[in-house]
C-alpha atoms as a PDB file:
ATOM      1  CA  MET A   1     111.180  96.865 121.202  1.00  0.00           C
ATOM      2  CA  LYS A   2     110.707  99.081 118.174  1.00  0.00           C
ATOM      3  CA  SER A   3     107.157  99.516 116.880  1.00  0.00           C
ATOM      4  CA  LYS A   4     106.124  98.658 113.329  1.00  0.00           C
ATOM      5  CA  PRO A   5     106.863 101.334 110.755  1.00  0.00           C
ATOM      6  CA  TRP A   6     103.939 103.324 109.399  1.00  0.00           C
ATOM      7  CA  VAL A   7     103.192 103.527 105.690  1.00  0.00           C
ATOM      8  CA  MET A   8     101.403 106.311 103.799  1.00  0.00           C
ATOM      9  CA  TYR A   9      99.902 104.986 100.566  1.00  0.00           C
ATOM     10  CA  LEU A  10      98.011 106.150  97.490  1.00  0.00           C
ATOM     11  CA  ILE A  11      95.420 103.917  95.800  1.00  0.00           C
ATOM     12  CA  GLU A  12      93.846 104.701  92.436  1.00  0.00           C
ATOM     13  CA  ASN A  13      90.307 103.498  91.743  1.00  0.00           C
ATOM     14  CA  ARG A  14      88.704 102.635  88.386  1.00  0.00           C
ATOM     15  CA  LEU A  15      87.542 106.251  88.030  1.00  0.00           C
ATOM     16  CA  GLY A  16      91.150 107.469  88.217  1.00  0.00           C
ATOM     17  CA  GLN A  17      90.662 109.054  91.644  1.00  0.00           C
ATOM     18  CA  LEU A  18      93.416 108.803  94.256  1.00  0.00           C
ATOM     19  CA  TYR A  19      92.787 107.776  97.864  1.00  0.00           C
ATOM     20  CA  CYS A  20      95.388 108.433 100.559  1.00  0.00           C
ATOM     21  CA  GLY A  21      95.685 106.441 103.781  1.00  0.00           C
ATOM     22  CA  ILE A  22      98.115 105.182 106.422  1.00  0.00           C
ATOM     23  CA  SER A  23      98.698 101.767 107.989  1.00  0.00           C
ATOM     24  CA  THR A  24     101.287  99.629 109.772  1.00  0.00           C
ATOM     25  CA  ASP A  25     100.457  96.664 107.502  1.00  0.00           C
ATOM     26  CA  LEU A  26     100.106  97.774 103.889  1.00  0.00           C
ATOM     27  CA  ALA A  27      99.362  94.320 102.449  1.00  0.00           C
ATOM     28  CA  ARG A  28      96.559  93.709 104.951  1.00  0.00           C
ATOM     29  CA  ARG A  29      95.082  97.184 104.461  1.00  0.00           C
ATOM     30  CA  PHE A  30      95.161  96.995 100.659  1.00  0.00           C
ATOM     31  CA  SER A  31      93.473  93.580 100.857  1.00  0.00           C
ATOM     32  CA  GLU A  32      90.742  95.065 103.073  1.00  0.00           C
ATOM     33  CA  HIS A  33      90.139  97.810 100.505  1.00  0.00           C
ATOM     34  CA  GLN A  34      90.101  95.264  97.654  1.00  0.00           C
ATOM     35  CA  LYS A  35      87.531  93.034  99.386  1.00  0.00           C
ATOM     36  CA  ASN A  36      85.039  95.914  99.503  1.00  0.00           C
ATOM     37  CA  GLY A  37      83.857  94.724 102.931  1.00  0.00           C
ATOM     38  CA  LYS A  38      83.301  96.342 106.295  1.00  0.00           C
ATOM     39  CA  GLN A  39      86.946  97.474 106.618  1.00  0.00           C
ATOM     40  CA  CYS A  40      87.040  99.109 103.150  1.00  0.00           C
ATOM     41  CA  ALA A  41      87.217 102.905 103.123  1.00  0.00           C
ATOM     42  CA  LYS A  42      83.883 104.435 102.101  1.00  0.00           C
ATOM     43  CA  ALA A  43      85.655 106.458  99.414  1.00  0.00           C
ATOM     44  CA  LEU A  44      86.737 103.203  97.694  1.00  0.00           C
ATOM     45  CA  LYS A  45      83.603 101.064  98.072  1.00  0.00           C
ATOM     46  CA  GLY A  46      82.271  99.885  94.719  1.00  0.00           C
ATOM     47  CA  LYS A  47      85.026 101.654  92.796  1.00  0.00           C
ATOM     48  CA  GLY A  48      87.320  98.693  92.084  1.00  0.00           C
ATOM     49  CA  PRO A  49      89.498  97.480  90.629  1.00  0.00           C
ATOM     50  CA  LEU A  50      91.999  99.291  92.807  1.00  0.00           C
ATOM     51  CA  THR A  51      95.656  99.912  92.034  1.00  0.00           C
ATOM     52  CA  LEU A  52      98.296 100.644  94.647  1.00  0.00           C
ATOM     53  CA  ARG A  53     100.174 103.542  93.050  1.00  0.00           C
ATOM     54  CA  TYR A  54     102.599 104.706  95.753  1.00  0.00           C
ATOM     55  CA  ALA A  55     103.751 103.884  99.277  1.00  0.00           C
ATOM     56  CA  ALA A  56     106.268 105.492 101.633  1.00  0.00           C
ATOM     57  CA  ILE A  57     107.561 104.153 104.942  1.00  0.00           C
ATOM     58  CA  LEU A  58     107.683 106.802 107.674  1.00  0.00           C
ATOM     59  CA  GLU A  59     109.333 106.935 111.092  1.00  0.00           C
ATOM     60  CA  ASP A  60     106.264 106.810 113.324  1.00  0.00           C
ATOM     61  CA  HIS A  61     102.522 107.331 113.596  1.00  0.00           C
ATOM     62  CA  GLY A  62     102.850 111.101 114.030  1.00  0.00           C
ATOM     63  CA  SER A  63     104.981 111.421 110.895  1.00  0.00           C
ATOM     64  CA  ALA A  64     102.527 109.259 108.951  1.00  0.00           C
ATOM     65  CA  LEU A  65      99.573 111.395 110.048  1.00  0.00           C
ATOM     66  CA  LYS A  66     101.376 114.608 109.066  1.00  0.00           C
ATOM     67  CA  CYS A  67     102.356 113.120 105.713  1.00  0.00           C
ATOM     68  CA  GLU A  68      98.803 111.930 105.019  1.00  0.00           C
ATOM     69  CA  TYR A  69      97.399 115.350 105.938  1.00  0.00           C
ATOM     70  CA  TRP A  70      99.955 117.067 103.689  1.00  0.00           C
ATOM     71  CA  MET A  71      99.310 114.672 100.779  1.00  0.00           C
ATOM     72  CA  LYS A  72      95.558 115.185 100.924  1.00  0.00           C
ATOM     73  CA  LYS A  73      96.123 118.935 100.422  1.00  0.00           C
ATOM     74  CA  GLN A  74      98.186 118.446  97.239  1.00  0.00           C
ATOM     75  CA  ASN A  75      96.670 118.759  93.780  1.00  0.00           C
ATOM     76  CA  ARG A  76      96.615 115.861  91.327  1.00  0.00           C
ATOM     77  CA  HIS A  77      99.578 117.184  89.348  1.00  0.00           C
ATOM     78  CA  HIS A  78     101.760 117.220  92.462  1.00  0.00           C
ATOM     79  CA  LYS A  79     100.581 113.742  93.543  1.00  0.00           C
ATOM     80  CA  ASP A  80     101.353 112.375  90.068  1.00  0.00           C
ATOM     81  CA  ALA A  81     104.853 113.896  90.235  1.00  0.00           C
ATOM     82  CA  ILE A  82     105.454 112.137  93.571  1.00  0.00           C
ATOM     83  CA  ILE A  83     104.154 108.834  92.171  1.00  0.00           C
ATOM     84  CA  ALA A  84     106.450 109.213  89.138  1.00  0.00           C
ATOM     85  CA  GLY A  85     109.437 109.941  91.393  1.00  0.00           C
ATOM     86  CA  LYS A  86     109.908 113.448  90.001  1.00  0.00           C
ATOM     87  CA  GLN A  87     109.288 114.990  93.412  1.00  0.00           C
ATOM     88  CA  LYS A  88     109.866 113.738  96.937  1.00  0.00           C
ATOM     89  CA  LEU A  89     107.793 113.952 100.063  1.00  0.00           C
ATOM     90  CA  PRO A  90     108.882 116.734 102.451  1.00  0.00           C
ATOM     91  CA  PHE A  91     109.234 114.186 105.271  1.00  0.00           C
ATOM     92  CA  PRO A  92     111.995 111.667 106.074  1.00  0.00           C
ATOM     93  CA  HIS A  93     110.823 108.476 104.385  1.00  0.00           C
ATOM     94  CA  GLU A  94     111.747 105.418 102.371  1.00  0.00           C
ATOM     95  CA  THR A  95     109.793 104.872  99.156  1.00  0.00           C
ATOM     96  CA  VAL A  96     108.421 101.360  98.668  1.00  0.00           C
ATOM     97  CA  SER A  97     109.776  99.938  95.385  1.00  0.00           C
ATOM     98  CA  ASP A  98     107.553  99.222  92.372  1.00  0.00           C
ATOM     99  CA  GLU A  99     108.408  95.532  92.726  1.00  0.00           C
ATOM    100  CA  GLU A 100     107.226  95.460  96.355  1.00  0.00           C
ATOM    101  CA  ILE A 101     104.019  97.279  95.350  1.00  0.00           C
ATOM    102  CA  ARG A 102     103.313  94.699  92.620  1.00  0.00           C
ATOM    103  CA  GLN A 103     103.772  91.902  95.175  1.00  0.00           C
ATOM    104  CA  ILE A 104     101.301  93.548  97.548  1.00  0.00           C
ATOM    105  CA  GLU A 105      98.720  93.997  94.765  1.00  0.00           C
ATOM    106  CA  HIS A 106      98.685  90.277  93.958  1.00  0.00           C
END
């Protein structure tokens, strides 16, 4: 049985700051961040509304961790280029479509 794919995602808060995380269930994780409860990342608490800006499906947990680590080292200009589709991640991945992201946000 194949395990669930891992997703690396970028969320923008009302201050325009980007938060990077990973999960096997993006809809559930985004909902947890939105609810501002116990499961919300400290970096996002009280900074809503939140917008899911980018998500990429990766092969496994190790790849997702490496991608997250890499993304957190990038400057805002580079992150914006990835969000806009002008640059790609240096890892094998499948980008989640804008339509799928909109569905997760609502």
